[in-house]
Amino acid sequence: MALEITTENFKTTVLDSNQVALVDFWAEWCGPCRMVGPIVDELSKEYEGKAIIGKVNVDQQRDIAANYGISSIPTILFIKGGQIVDKQVGAVPKSELKKKLDNWI
């Protein structure tokens, strides 16, 4: 299961990590988000120890979403060394997300 990312753990879990982080910005009412969610959960198992895989509920964590200018969901940010290194807006196949992750591991 992907990590739940909140304002309390965002800095230590994502920004301060030496690993690339895949951060899925989503909401319960978002249809495409419900399609991407299980893929993100699968990736969290497959990349355990190699990458940080987490989810930010934009309704509950508005500050994080606002800080990153998230206006469409699902949006997936790839963050490494505290910087956004890649971005995916909208639902895509698992293979696309794996390709982007593998590029930064």
Protein backbone atom coordinates (compact mmCIF):
# COMPACT_ATOMS: atom_id res chain seq x y z
CA MET A 1 0.00 0.00 0.00
CA ALA A 2 1.30 3.45 -0.89
CA LEU A 3 2.26 5.79 1.93
CA GLU A 4 -0.22 8.44 2.99
CA ILE A 5 1.58 11.74 2.52
CA THR A 6 0.51 14.62 4.76
CA THR A 7 1.86 18.06 5.62
CA GLU A 8 3.39 16.45 8.73
CA ASN A 9 5.50 13.88 6.85
CA PHE A 10 5.97 15.42 3.39
CA LYS A 11 9.37 17.01 4.08
CA THR A 12 10.95 14.03 5.83
CA THR A 13 9.38 11.35 3.60
CA VAL A 14 9.61 13.01 0.19
CA LEU A 15 11.85 16.06 0.12
CA ASP A 16 14.62 14.77 2.40
CA SER A 17 14.75 11.28 0.84
CA ASN A 18 17.75 10.10 -1.18
CA GLN A 19 15.37 8.03 -3.30
CA VAL A 20 13.06 9.21 -6.03
CA ALA A 21 9.51 9.74 -4.79
CA LEU A 22 6.37 9.13 -6.84
CA VAL A 23 3.63 11.29 -5.31
CA ASP A 24 0.06 10.72 -6.53
CA PHE A 25 -2.24 13.71 -5.98
CA TRP A 26 -5.81 12.36 -5.90
CA ALA A 27 -9.32 12.67 -4.41
CA GLU A 28 -12.00 10.11 -3.59
CA TRP A 29 -14.55 11.71 -5.95
CA CYS A 30 -12.16 11.58 -8.94
CA GLY A 31 -12.93 8.73 -11.38
CA PRO A 32 -9.53 8.66 -13.13
CA CYS A 33 -7.88 8.76 -9.68
CA ARG A 34 -9.66 5.53 -8.78
CA MET A 35 -8.16 3.96 -11.91
CA VAL A 36 -4.62 5.09 -11.05
CA GLY A 37 -4.83 4.32 -7.30
CA PRO A 38 -4.45 0.53 -7.56
CA ILE A 39 -1.52 0.97 -9.96
CA VAL A 40 0.23 3.24 -7.45
CA ASP A 41 -0.38 0.65 -4.71
CA GLU A 42 1.15 -2.08 -6.91
CA LEU A 43 4.18 0.12 -7.61
CA SER A 44 4.67 0.66 -3.88
CA LYS A 45 5.16 -3.10 -3.47
CA GLU A 46 7.33 -3.50 -6.58
CA TYR A 47 9.61 -0.57 -5.74
CA GLU A 48 9.86 -1.13 -2.00
CA GLY A 49 13.36 -0.14 -0.92
CA LYS A 50 14.07 1.49 -4.30
CA ALA A 51 11.63 4.41 -4.36
CA ILE A 52 9.16 6.26 -2.15
CA ILE A 53 5.60 5.74 -3.41
CA GLY A 54 2.94 7.89 -1.79
CA LYS A 55 -0.46 9.51 -2.17
CA VAL A 56 -1.68 12.99 -1.28
CA ASN A 57 -5.42 13.42 -0.84
CA VAL A 58 -5.92 16.95 -2.23
CA ASP A 59 -9.12 17.48 -0.21
CA GLN A 60 -7.34 16.73 3.07
CA GLN A 61 -3.88 18.14 2.23
CA ARG A 62 -4.73 21.38 0.42
CA ASP A 63 -1.47 23.07 1.41
CA ILE A 64 0.72 20.52 -0.37
CA ALA A 65 -1.48 20.62 -3.49
CA ALA A 66 -1.41 24.43 -3.49
CA ASN A 67 2.38 24.55 -3.02
CA TYR A 68 2.81 22.45 -6.15
CA GLY A 69 0.10 24.16 -8.21
CA ILE A 70 -1.97 21.01 -8.59
CA SER A 71 -5.04 22.02 -10.62
CA SER A 72 -5.92 18.72 -12.31
CA ILE A 73 -6.03 15.28 -10.76
CA PRO A 74 -4.69 12.73 -10.91
CA THR A 75 -1.31 14.43 -11.08
CA ILE A 76 1.77 12.41 -10.29
CA LEU A 77 4.98 14.19 -9.40
CA PHE A 78 8.37 12.52 -9.43
CA ILE A 79 10.57 14.24 -6.86
CA LYS A 80 14.26 13.59 -6.28
CA GLY A 81 16.62 15.61 -4.13
CA GLY A 82 13.74 17.87 -3.17
CA GLN A 83 13.10 18.87 -6.80
CA ILE A 84 10.40 17.86 -9.30
CA VAL A 85 12.17 15.83 -11.96
CA ASP A 86 9.11 14.62 -13.90
CA LYS A 87 5.34 14.99 -13.92
CA GLN A 88 2.34 13.04 -15.22
CA VAL A 89 -1.13 14.57 -15.45
CA GLY A 90 -4.05 12.22 -16.03
CA ALA A 91 -4.45 8.46 -15.95
CA VAL A 92 -1.79 6.45 -17.77
CA PRO A 93 -0.87 2.77 -17.93
CA LYS A 94 1.38 1.26 -15.28
CA SER A 95 4.14 0.84 -17.87
CA GLU A 96 4.38 4.63 -18.31
CA LEU A 97 4.82 5.23 -14.60
CA LYS A 98 7.39 2.43 -14.34
CA LYS A 99 9.37 3.92 -17.22
CA LYS A 100 9.47 7.32 -15.51
CA LEU A 101 10.41 5.79 -12.14
CA ASP A 102 13.14 3.61 -13.64
CA ASN A 103 14.61 6.70 -15.30
CA TRP A 104 15.31 8.24 -11.88
CA ILE A 105 16.37 5.22 -9.80
